Structure formats: structure tokens, C-alpha cells
Amino acid sequence: MGKRIFIADNRKHVIDMMEERLSKSGYDVISTCEGSAIIKTLNINNVPNLIVLEAGIDGVDPLKVCRSIKSERRLRDVPFLLLKEANVDEQPFRELGIKEFITRPCDMTDVLERIRLLATYGTSKARPQGKGTGWKIIGILLLLACFVILLLFVFLPGFTNPG
């Protein structure tokens, strides 16, 4: 089974589109359009790999919902992506440890790519290739070249002593 993503958004058509695209990519998507069902839905399902929450979801205070989710031990380290309008202040959410935001209106392709990165690496800044991997490859190649040269000196004495 793929990574599990929880999505809470007012707009059913947005959830339907995200569910369809993410499911085709192998993700297990759990969602709700009702703000009052967020905590209940999270509590009856396994811990997701990512929580995507619309900051303006009807019927709830998004800061209160985030505080409640972050206070639960089993959910506190789950990466969070907050979808927000331009006038929503990020600072109170940042104080709760939420670092990933997308301001609407936005391109759905960008949203889905950010979801993929967060579900896989826990941060959208992460890259599949580890830090310094290029230097590691160069080091391995240099080590391999030294080994080949050493073999030439040991097994081909005529190579080092032409006379």
C-alpha cells in the first residue's frame, strides 16, 4: 500500500480531483469536506504520512484544529501542508511547527508535487539525492581509478619496467 495522505478541504471538487490524481500515483487518500469531521477522521484511521488542511475550512477554527492535531503524540510529527488564502497569517501556524504553506490561488500540479515531496521526504525542500552525493561519486571513482592503477603495477610488471 502507498503512502497515506489526509486531505481536509471545503471544496468537494478539489478533494475529488486530488484523490483521483494521487490514487493513480499509488497514494492512499483519506479525506473530508467537513471541518467538524477532521479530528474524528484522523482518529479512526491509521496515522497518515501527510496532512493537507485548508485554513478556511467551514465550521472550525483552523488554528484550533492544528493545535489539537499537533497535541496528539501519534500525529505530532506528521508533516503538514496548509492551504491558505493570502490574508491568512502564517505566524501562529509556524509557532505550532507547521512549515509548509501554499497560498491560493495556486496551480494544482504544483500542489500535487509538493504533496509528493512532503509525503516522501517530510519536507518540500528535500531532494531524492542526498546532500553531497556528487562528491561521494567522485570519491568512489577516484578510489576505483587508484585501484586499477595498483593492479596494473602488480600484475603487469612490464608495464612499469619496460626494459
C-alpha atoms as a PDB file:
ATOM      1  CA  MET A   1       0.000   0.000   0.000  1.00  0.00           C
ATOM      2  CA  GLY A   2       1.209   3.509  -0.819  1.00  0.00           C
ATOM      3  CA  LYS A   3       1.753   6.409   1.483  1.00  0.00           C
ATOM      4  CA  ARG A   4      -1.371   7.659   3.241  1.00  0.00           C
ATOM      5  CA  ILE A   5      -2.435  11.278   2.778  1.00  0.00           C
ATOM      6  CA  PHE A   6      -5.191  13.002   4.736  1.00  0.00           C
ATOM      7  CA  ILE A   7      -6.916  15.942   2.997  1.00  0.00           C
ATOM      8  CA  ALA A   8      -9.461  18.325   4.524  1.00  0.00           C
ATOM      9  CA  ASP A   9     -10.901  20.946   2.181  1.00  0.00           C
ATOM     10  CA  ASN A  10     -14.310  22.643   1.816  1.00  0.00           C
ATOM     11  CA  ARG A  11     -14.404  22.132  -1.892  1.00  0.00           C
ATOM     12  CA  LYS A  12     -15.521  18.617  -2.786  1.00  0.00           C
ATOM     13  CA  HIS A  13     -14.400  19.012  -6.418  1.00  0.00           C
ATOM     14  CA  VAL A  14     -10.845  19.840  -5.239  1.00  0.00           C
ATOM     15  CA  ILE A  15     -10.755  16.783  -2.995  1.00  0.00           C
ATOM     16  CA  ASP A  16     -12.162  14.575  -5.765  1.00  0.00           C
ATOM     17  CA  MET A  17      -9.526  15.768  -8.227  1.00  0.00           C
ATOM     18  CA  MET A  18      -6.687  15.379  -5.710  1.00  0.00           C
ATOM     19  CA  GLU A  19      -7.923  11.919  -4.677  1.00  0.00           C
ATOM     20  CA  GLU A  20      -8.099  10.783  -8.280  1.00  0.00           C
ATOM     21  CA  ARG A  21      -4.630  12.026  -9.221  1.00  0.00           C
ATOM     22  CA  LEU A  22      -2.960  10.866  -6.000  1.00  0.00           C
ATOM     23  CA  SER A  23      -4.657   7.448  -6.063  1.00  0.00           C
ATOM     24  CA  LYS A  24      -3.422   6.897  -9.625  1.00  0.00           C
ATOM     25  CA  SER A  25       0.078   7.639  -8.313  1.00  0.00           C
ATOM     26  CA  GLY A  26      -0.268   4.938  -5.652  1.00  0.00           C
ATOM     27  CA  TYR A  27      -1.249   7.039  -2.624  1.00  0.00           C
ATOM     28  CA  ASP A  28      -3.940   6.025  -0.153  1.00  0.00           C
ATOM     29  CA  VAL A  29      -6.093   9.138   0.309  1.00  0.00           C
ATOM     30  CA  ILE A  30      -8.409   9.821   3.224  1.00  0.00           C
ATOM     31  CA  SER A  31     -10.457  12.999   3.047  1.00  0.00           C
ATOM     32  CA  THR A  32     -13.238  15.081   4.481  1.00  0.00           C
ATOM     33  CA  CYS A  33     -15.124  18.177   3.359  1.00  0.00           C
ATOM     34  CA  GLU A  34     -16.454  18.820   6.845  1.00  0.00           C
ATOM     35  CA  GLY A  35     -14.327  20.736   9.317  1.00  0.00           C
ATOM     36  CA  SER A  36     -16.083  19.088  12.239  1.00  0.00           C
ATOM     37  CA  ALA A  37     -15.016  15.630  10.973  1.00  0.00           C
ATOM     38  CA  ILE A  38     -11.261  16.325  10.772  1.00  0.00           C
ATOM     39  CA  ILE A  39     -10.242  15.056  14.214  1.00  0.00           C
ATOM     40  CA  LYS A  40     -12.718  12.163  14.133  1.00  0.00           C
ATOM     41  CA  THR A  41     -11.457  11.035  10.695  1.00  0.00           C
ATOM     42  CA  LEU A  42      -7.831  11.236  11.824  1.00  0.00           C
ATOM     43  CA  ASN A  43      -8.628   9.268  14.991  1.00  0.00           C
ATOM     44  CA  ILE A  44     -10.350   6.348  13.254  1.00  0.00           C
ATOM     45  CA  ASN A  45      -7.665   5.858  10.596  1.00  0.00           C
ATOM     46  CA  ASN A  46      -4.017   4.909  10.721  1.00  0.00           C
ATOM     47  CA  VAL A  47      -1.534   7.750  11.026  1.00  0.00           C
ATOM     48  CA  PRO A  48      -1.113   9.445   7.646  1.00  0.00           C
ATOM     49  CA  ASN A  49       2.248  10.296   6.080  1.00  0.00           C
ATOM     50  CA  LEU A  50       0.964  13.820   5.377  1.00  0.00           C
ATOM     51  CA  ILE A  51      -1.878  16.078   6.487  1.00  0.00           C
ATOM     52  CA  VAL A  52      -3.194  18.622   3.971  1.00  0.00           C
ATOM     53  CA  LEU A  53      -5.556  21.132   5.544  1.00  0.00           C
ATOM     54  CA  GLU A  54      -7.410  24.099   4.108  1.00  0.00           C
ATOM     55  CA  ALA A  55      -7.037  27.007   6.529  1.00  0.00           C
ATOM     56  CA  GLY A  56     -10.506  28.326   5.674  1.00  0.00           C
ATOM     57  CA  ILE A  57     -12.471  25.125   6.125  1.00  0.00           C
ATOM     58  CA  ASP A  58     -16.027  25.818   7.296  1.00  0.00           C
ATOM     59  CA  GLY A  59     -17.198  25.201  10.807  1.00  0.00           C
ATOM     60  CA  VAL A  60     -13.861  25.127  12.622  1.00  0.00           C
ATOM     61  CA  ASP A  61     -11.035  27.367  13.722  1.00  0.00           C
ATOM     62  CA  PRO A  62      -8.081  26.050  11.676  1.00  0.00           C
ATOM     63  CA  LEU A  63      -5.569  27.119  14.321  1.00  0.00           C
ATOM     64  CA  LYS A  64      -7.508  25.200  16.972  1.00  0.00           C
ATOM     65  CA  VAL A  65      -7.655  22.118  14.707  1.00  0.00           C
ATOM     66  CA  CYS A  66      -3.899  22.303  14.050  1.00  0.00           C
ATOM     67  CA  ARG A  67      -3.214  22.735  17.764  1.00  0.00           C
ATOM     68  CA  SER A  68      -5.373  19.684  18.518  1.00  0.00           C
ATOM     69  CA  ILE A  69      -3.624  17.555  15.870  1.00  0.00           C
ATOM     70  CA  LYS A  70      -0.145  18.645  16.980  1.00  0.00           C
ATOM     71  CA  SER A  71      -1.011  17.858  20.626  1.00  0.00           C
ATOM     72  CA  GLU A  72      -1.659  14.206  19.803  1.00  0.00           C
ATOM     73  CA  ARG A  73       1.513  12.191  20.253  1.00  0.00           C
ATOM     74  CA  ARG A  74       0.849   9.875  17.313  1.00  0.00           C
ATOM     75  CA  LEU A  75       0.234  12.808  14.932  1.00  0.00           C
ATOM     76  CA  ARG A  76       2.664  15.442  16.189  1.00  0.00           C
ATOM     77  CA  ASP A  77       5.494  14.556  13.779  1.00  0.00           C
ATOM     78  CA  VAL A  78       3.336  14.092  10.677  1.00  0.00           C
ATOM     79  CA  PRO A  79       4.261  16.683   8.018  1.00  0.00           C
ATOM     80  CA  PHE A  80       1.585  19.295   7.479  1.00  0.00           C
ATOM     81  CA  LEU A  81       0.674  21.322   4.397  1.00  0.00           C
ATOM     82  CA  LEU A  82      -1.627  24.272   5.000  1.00  0.00           C
ATOM     83  CA  LEU A  83      -3.595  25.615   2.036  1.00  0.00           C
ATOM     84  CA  LYS A  84      -4.434  29.251   2.747  1.00  0.00           C
ATOM     85  CA  GLU A  85      -5.648  32.497   1.319  1.00  0.00           C
ATOM     86  CA  ALA A  86      -3.218  35.414   1.033  1.00  0.00           C
ATOM     87  CA  ASN A  87      -4.733  37.210   4.051  1.00  0.00           C
ATOM     88  CA  VAL A  88      -4.178  34.289   6.476  1.00  0.00           C
ATOM     89  CA  ASP A  89      -1.279  34.955   8.855  1.00  0.00           C
ATOM     90  CA  GLU A  90       1.236  32.096   8.820  1.00  0.00           C
ATOM     91  CA  GLN A  91       2.964  33.022  12.093  1.00  0.00           C
ATOM     92  CA  PRO A  92       0.549  31.332  14.548  1.00  0.00           C
ATOM     93  CA  PHE A  93       0.762  28.144  12.473  1.00  0.00           C
ATOM     94  CA  ARG A  94       4.565  28.358  12.321  1.00  0.00           C
ATOM     95  CA  GLU A  95       4.617  28.562  16.122  1.00  0.00           C
ATOM     96  CA  LEU A  96       2.878  25.158  16.135  1.00  0.00           C
ATOM     97  CA  GLY A  97       5.643  23.736  13.926  1.00  0.00           C
ATOM     98  CA  ILE A  98       3.833  23.934  10.603  1.00  0.00           C
ATOM     99  CA  LYS A  99       6.360  24.985   7.970  1.00  0.00           C
ATOM    100  CA  GLU A 100       4.711  24.238   4.645  1.00  0.00           C
ATOM    101  CA  PHE A 101       2.150  26.608   3.139  1.00  0.00           C
ATOM    102  CA  ILE A 102       0.562  27.101  -0.246  1.00  0.00           C
ATOM    103  CA  THR A 103      -1.242  30.350  -0.924  1.00  0.00           C
ATOM    104  CA  ARG A 104      -4.321  30.174  -3.103  1.00  0.00           C
ATOM    105  CA  PRO A 105      -4.970  30.583  -5.939  1.00  0.00           C
ATOM    106  CA  CYS A 106      -2.348  28.044  -6.966  1.00  0.00           C
ATOM    107  CA  ASP A 107      -1.530  25.587  -9.711  1.00  0.00           C
ATOM    108  CA  MET A 108      -2.781  22.083  -8.874  1.00  0.00           C
ATOM    109  CA  THR A 109       0.284  20.489 -10.487  1.00  0.00           C
ATOM    110  CA  ASP A 110       2.481  22.407  -8.022  1.00  0.00           C
ATOM    111  CA  VAL A 111       0.251  21.362  -5.112  1.00  0.00           C
ATOM    112  CA  LEU A 112       0.456  17.695  -6.107  1.00  0.00           C
ATOM    113  CA  GLU A 113       4.256  17.874  -6.493  1.00  0.00           C
ATOM    114  CA  ARG A 114       4.559  19.474  -3.044  1.00  0.00           C
ATOM    115  CA  ILE A 115       2.325  16.733  -1.609  1.00  0.00           C
ATOM    116  CA  ARG A 116       4.533  14.078  -3.221  1.00  0.00           C
ATOM    117  CA  LEU A 117       7.692  15.620  -1.746  1.00  0.00           C
ATOM    118  CA  LEU A 118       6.196  16.044   1.714  1.00  0.00           C
ATOM    119  CA  ALA A 119       4.706  12.535   1.827  1.00  0.00           C
ATOM    120  CA  THR A 120       8.017  11.043   0.709  1.00  0.00           C
ATOM    121  CA  TYR A 121      10.659  13.179   2.423  1.00  0.00           C
ATOM    122  CA  GLY A 122       8.792  15.124   5.097  1.00  0.00           C
ATOM    123  CA  THR A 123       9.812  18.449   3.579  1.00  0.00           C
ATOM    124  CA  SER A 124       9.365  20.095   0.219  1.00  0.00           C
ATOM    125  CA  LYS A 125      12.998  21.245   0.373  1.00  0.00           C
ATOM    126  CA  ALA A 126      14.230  17.641   0.360  1.00  0.00           C
ATOM    127  CA  ARG A 127      15.711  16.121  -2.736  1.00  0.00           C
ATOM    128  CA  PRO A 128      15.824  12.458  -3.634  1.00  0.00           C
ATOM    129  CA  GLN A 129      19.579  12.761  -3.996  1.00  0.00           C
ATOM    130  CA  GLY A 130      21.346  13.129  -0.646  1.00  0.00           C
ATOM    131  CA  LYS A 131      23.454  16.127   0.258  1.00  0.00           C
ATOM    132  CA  GLY A 132      26.967  15.783  -1.156  1.00  0.00           C
ATOM    133  CA  THR A 133      26.144  12.755  -3.288  1.00  0.00           C
ATOM    134  CA  GLY A 134      28.062  14.207  -6.243  1.00  0.00           C
ATOM    135  CA  TRP A 135      31.266  14.372  -4.185  1.00  0.00           C
ATOM    136  CA  LYS A 136      30.727  10.825  -2.949  1.00  0.00           C
ATOM    137  CA  ILE A 137      30.502   9.575  -6.529  1.00  0.00           C
ATOM    138  CA  ILE A 138      33.696  11.453  -7.486  1.00  0.00           C
ATOM    139  CA  GLY A 139      35.460   9.951  -4.466  1.00  0.00           C
ATOM    140  CA  ILE A 140      34.375   6.446  -5.399  1.00  0.00           C
ATOM    141  CA  LEU A 141      35.551   6.952  -8.982  1.00  0.00           C
ATOM    142  CA  LEU A 142      38.944   8.225  -7.790  1.00  0.00           C
ATOM    143  CA  LEU A 143      39.283   5.250  -5.454  1.00  0.00           C
ATOM    144  CA  LEU A 144      38.407   2.901  -8.305  1.00  0.00           C
ATOM    145  CA  ALA A 145      40.999   4.569 -10.578  1.00  0.00           C
ATOM    146  CA  CYS A 146      43.704   4.167  -7.902  1.00  0.00           C
ATOM    147  CA  PHE A 147      42.777   0.500  -7.527  1.00  0.00           C
ATOM    148  CA  VAL A 148      43.070  -0.070 -11.302  1.00  0.00           C
ATOM    149  CA  ILE A 149      46.487   1.626 -11.381  1.00  0.00           C
ATOM    150  CA  LEU A 150      47.655  -0.506  -8.443  1.00  0.00           C
ATOM    151  CA  LEU A 151      46.517  -3.665 -10.246  1.00  0.00           C
ATOM    152  CA  LEU A 152      48.467  -2.606 -13.329  1.00  0.00           C
ATOM    153  CA  PHE A 153      51.661  -2.205 -11.280  1.00  0.00           C
ATOM    154  CA  VAL A 154      51.239  -5.557  -9.505  1.00  0.00           C
ATOM    155  CA  PHE A 155      50.095  -7.790 -12.361  1.00  0.00           C
ATOM    156  CA  LEU A 156      51.827  -6.188 -15.304  1.00  0.00           C
ATOM    157  CA  PRO A 157      55.492  -5.698 -14.310  1.00  0.00           C
ATOM    158  CA  GLY A 158      56.385  -4.982 -17.917  1.00  0.00           C
ATOM    159  CA  PHE A 159      54.083  -2.008 -17.735  1.00  0.00           C
ATOM    160  CA  THR A 160      56.224  -0.389 -15.025  1.00  0.00           C
ATOM    161  CA  ASN A 161      59.605  -1.784 -16.137  1.00  0.00           C
ATOM    162  CA  PRO A 162      59.847  -1.571 -19.927  1.00  0.00           C
ATOM    163  CA  GLY A 163      63.467  -2.643 -20.036  1.00  0.00           C
END
